């Protein structure tokens, strides 16, 4: 609040100070609550009062049950570490063991035991998988080598003697030979 003083002159030449105006800051109105907000507010206050008076026992907040990271039937990290210790590595190899674990219901100890039938099956599948990987990695990709043409294609028979060409492909082979000759020598267009 701010006070302003005003000086009033008296006819008797005495000065008297009087306060005439006071400035007040305008009040900011709080937004009105909805009926639901009012209910929540008063229920919260009532709950706190009951707790303070000892009328309501303290309730601990319930812990939310965490959803498992793994789906049922999947290998957990400890099982994967166990399998790696038994020379089973990689997603594909883990999938093989997981398949047998789900199908048979046996423990990992039984599954990696090389003396058991299931253990031998798992080891043989893993061996086949590894050999297939090595073979695919050893094969060069994107080479310019062409695979042999199938015997029913025209390009296969173009290089063979004409008397060996099947009757149904002879016309196509002749046309293809003409195309190849013209592409080799572009100046000899109509020299046949």
Protein backbone atom coordinates (compact mmCIF):
# COMPACT_ATOMS: atom_id res chain seq x y z
CA UNK A 1 0.00 0.00 0.00
CA UNK A 2 1.15 3.39 -0.80
CA UNK A 3 0.11 6.52 1.08
CA UNK A 4 0.15 9.93 -0.42
CA UNK A 5 0.15 12.85 1.90
CA UNK A 6 -1.35 16.10 0.99
CA UNK A 7 -0.50 19.40 2.59
CA UNK A 8 -3.44 21.55 3.47
CA UNK A 9 -2.93 25.16 4.35
CA UNK A 10 -5.05 26.44 7.25
CA UNK A 11 -6.32 30.05 7.34
CA UNK A 12 -4.34 30.46 10.50
CA UNK A 13 -1.21 29.74 8.49
CA UNK A 14 -0.67 26.39 10.08
CA UNK A 15 0.31 23.48 7.96
CA UNK A 16 -1.47 20.22 8.65
CA UNK A 17 -0.69 16.95 6.90
CA UNK A 18 -3.55 14.67 6.05
CA UNK A 19 -3.61 11.36 4.31
CA UNK A 20 -6.26 11.32 1.78
CA UNK A 21 -5.70 8.53 -0.74
CA UNK A 22 -4.57 4.98 -0.28
CA UNK A 23 -3.71 2.78 -3.22
CA UNK A 24 -4.32 -0.94 -2.85
CA UNK A 25 -3.05 -3.54 -5.26
CA UNK A 26 -5.85 -5.32 -7.05
CA UNK A 27 -6.51 -8.86 -5.82
CA UNK A 28 -5.92 -11.61 -8.31
CA UNK A 29 -8.82 -13.99 -8.33
CA UNK A 30 -7.98 -17.68 -8.35
CA UNK A 31 -9.62 -19.63 -11.09
CA UNK A 32 -12.60 -21.51 -9.81
CA UNK A 33 -12.28 -25.26 -9.48
CA UNK A 34 -14.53 -27.64 -11.26
CA UNK A 35 -16.74 -29.83 -9.09
CA UNK A 36 -14.42 -32.81 -9.73
CA UNK A 37 -11.38 -30.78 -8.66
CA UNK A 38 -13.22 -29.67 -5.51
CA UNK A 39 -14.08 -33.29 -4.69
CA UNK A 40 -10.47 -34.43 -5.22
CA UNK A 41 -9.19 -31.57 -3.04
CA UNK A 42 -11.50 -32.30 -0.12
CA UNK A 43 -10.99 -36.06 -0.34
CA UNK A 44 -7.24 -35.50 -0.16
CA UNK A 45 -7.62 -33.22 2.87
CA UNK A 46 -9.91 -35.75 4.58
CA UNK A 47 -7.42 -38.55 3.91
CA UNK A 48 -4.55 -36.49 5.39
CA UNK A 49 -6.64 -35.62 8.46
CA UNK A 50 -7.59 -39.26 9.02
CA UNK A 51 -3.92 -40.21 8.77
CA UNK A 52 -2.89 -37.45 11.21
CA UNK A 53 -5.58 -38.53 13.70
CA UNK A 54 -4.64 -42.20 13.36
CA UNK A 55 -8.04 -43.19 12.07
CA UNK A 56 -6.72 -44.68 8.86
CA UNK A 57 -3.69 -46.98 8.74
CA UNK A 58 -0.88 -45.95 6.42
CA UNK A 59 -1.04 -47.70 3.11
CA UNK A 60 2.15 -48.29 1.27
CA UNK A 61 2.03 -47.58 -2.41
CA UNK A 62 1.72 -50.78 -4.38
CA UNK A 63 4.70 -51.66 -6.48
CA UNK A 64 3.81 -52.14 -10.07
CA UNK A 65 4.68 -55.56 -11.26
CA UNK A 66 7.31 -55.11 -13.91
CA UNK A 67 6.76 -56.87 -17.14
CA UNK A 68 9.49 -59.33 -17.85
CA UNK A 69 11.98 -58.32 -20.50
CA UNK A 70 12.02 -61.80 -21.92
CA UNK A 71 9.07 -63.55 -23.44
CA UNK A 72 8.23 -66.90 -22.00
CA UNK A 73 10.49 -69.59 -23.35
CA UNK A 74 13.35 -67.24 -24.23
CA UNK A 75 16.83 -67.69 -22.87
CA UNK A 76 17.92 -65.20 -20.24
CA UNK A 77 21.38 -63.66 -20.00
CA UNK A 78 22.67 -66.21 -17.50
CA UNK A 79 21.60 -69.06 -19.77
CA UNK A 80 23.26 -67.39 -22.77
CA UNK A 81 26.47 -66.99 -20.77
CA UNK A 82 26.30 -70.67 -19.82
CA UNK A 83 25.86 -71.63 -23.48
CA UNK A 84 28.78 -69.43 -24.54
CA UNK A 85 30.90 -71.22 -21.97
CA UNK A 86 29.92 -74.45 -23.73
CA UNK A 87 30.96 -73.14 -27.17
CA UNK A 88 27.47 -72.22 -28.35
CA UNK A 89 27.45 -68.65 -29.64
CA UNK A 90 25.27 -66.35 -31.69
CA UNK A 91 21.55 -65.85 -32.14
CA UNK A 92 21.10 -68.74 -34.54
CA UNK A 93 22.83 -71.21 -32.24
CA UNK A 94 20.90 -69.90 -29.22
CA UNK A 95 17.68 -70.35 -31.22
CA UNK A 96 18.52 -74.02 -31.82
CA UNK A 97 19.07 -74.63 -28.10
CA UNK A 98 15.95 -72.65 -27.20
CA UNK A 99 13.87 -74.72 -29.64
CA UNK A 100 15.05 -77.97 -28.04
CA UNK A 101 14.58 -76.54 -24.54
CA UNK A 102 10.97 -75.58 -25.29
CA UNK A 103 10.21 -78.85 -27.10
CA UNK A 104 11.75 -81.23 -24.59
CA UNK A 105 11.46 -79.29 -21.34
CA UNK A 106 14.95 -80.42 -20.36
CA UNK A 107 17.47 -78.25 -18.53
CA UNK A 108 20.40 -76.64 -20.27
CA UNK A 109 22.78 -79.05 -18.56
CA UNK A 110 21.01 -81.95 -20.28
CA UNK A 111 20.89 -80.10 -23.60
CA UNK A 112 24.62 -79.31 -23.79
CA UNK A 113 25.66 -82.75 -22.54
CA UNK A 114 27.35 -84.35 -25.53
CA UNK A 115 26.62 -87.81 -24.16
CA UNK A 116 22.84 -87.44 -24.45
CA UNK A 117 20.90 -87.92 -27.66
CA UNK A 118 19.45 -84.40 -27.55
CA UNK A 119 22.92 -82.98 -26.92
CA UNK A 120 24.26 -84.82 -29.97
CA UNK A 121 21.38 -83.51 -32.10
CA UNK A 122 22.00 -79.95 -30.97
CA UNK A 123 25.74 -80.22 -31.62
CA UNK A 124 25.15 -81.66 -35.11
CA UNK A 125 22.70 -78.87 -36.02
CA UNK A 126 25.14 -76.26 -34.75
CA UNK A 127 27.94 -77.88 -36.75
CA UNK A 128 25.81 -77.79 -39.93
CA UNK A 129 24.93 -74.16 -39.26
CA UNK A 130 28.57 -73.18 -38.82
CA UNK A 131 29.60 -75.03 -41.99
CA UNK A 132 26.86 -73.29 -43.97
CA UNK A 133 28.05 -69.92 -42.64
CA UNK A 134 31.65 -70.64 -43.58
CA UNK A 135 30.59 -71.72 -47.07
CA UNK A 136 28.43 -68.64 -47.65
CA UNK A 137 31.20 -66.34 -46.39
CA UNK A 138 33.76 -68.03 -48.64
CA UNK A 139 31.63 -67.60 -51.75
CA UNK A 140 32.36 -64.26 -53.39
CA UNK A 141 29.33 -62.08 -53.85
CA UNK A 142 28.69 -59.90 -56.85
CA UNK A 143 31.36 -61.41 -59.08
CA UNK A 144 31.13 -61.02 -62.82
CA UNK A 145 31.28 -64.74 -63.34
CA UNK A 146 28.19 -66.00 -65.01
CA UNK A 147 26.59 -69.26 -64.19
CA UNK A 148 26.11 -71.71 -67.02
CA UNK A 149 22.99 -71.03 -69.06
CA UNK A 150 20.21 -73.56 -68.86
CA UNK A 151 19.81 -75.85 -71.86
CA UNK A 152 16.46 -74.38 -72.81
CA UNK A 153 17.83 -70.87 -73.32
CA UNK A 154 18.78 -69.44 -76.66
CA UNK A 155 22.14 -68.14 -75.38
CA UNK A 156 23.20 -71.68 -74.48
CA UNK A 157 22.62 -72.94 -78.02
CA UNK A 158 24.14 -69.92 -79.83
CA UNK A 159 27.66 -71.22 -79.22
CA UNK A 160 26.85 -74.84 -80.13
CA UNK A 161 27.00 -76.27 -83.65
CA UNK A 162 23.76 -75.60 -85.53
CA UNK A 163 23.03 -79.28 -86.17
CA UNK A 164 22.86 -79.91 -82.39
CA UNK A 165 20.29 -77.13 -81.77
CA UNK A 166 16.75 -78.45 -81.07
CA UNK A 167 14.27 -77.80 -83.89
CA UNK A 168 11.97 -75.57 -81.79
CA UNK A 169 14.90 -73.18 -81.00
CA UNK A 170 16.59 -73.01 -84.42
CA UNK A 171 14.80 -69.82 -85.57
CA UNK A 172 15.53 -68.05 -82.29
CA UNK A 173 19.20 -69.16 -82.37
CA UNK A 174 19.65 -67.86 -85.94
CA UNK A 175 18.11 -64.48 -84.98
CA UNK A 176 20.33 -64.25 -81.92
CA UNK A 177 23.46 -65.04 -83.95
CA UNK A 178 22.53 -62.26 -86.37
CA UNK A 179 22.12 -59.82 -83.48
CA UNK A 180 25.51 -60.78 -82.03
CA UNK A 181 27.27 -60.44 -85.40
CA UNK A 182 25.80 -56.99 -85.96
CA UNK A 183 26.74 -55.82 -82.50
CA UNK A 184 30.37 -56.90 -83.10
CA UNK A 185 30.65 -55.10 -86.43
CA UNK A 186 28.28 -52.14 -86.61
CA UNK A 187 29.35 -51.25 -90.18
CA UNK A 188 28.18 -54.55 -91.61
CA UNK A 189 24.45 -54.05 -91.26
CA UNK A 190 22.93 -55.88 -94.17
CA UNK A 191 25.68 -58.25 -95.18
CA UNK A 192 23.87 -61.54 -94.77
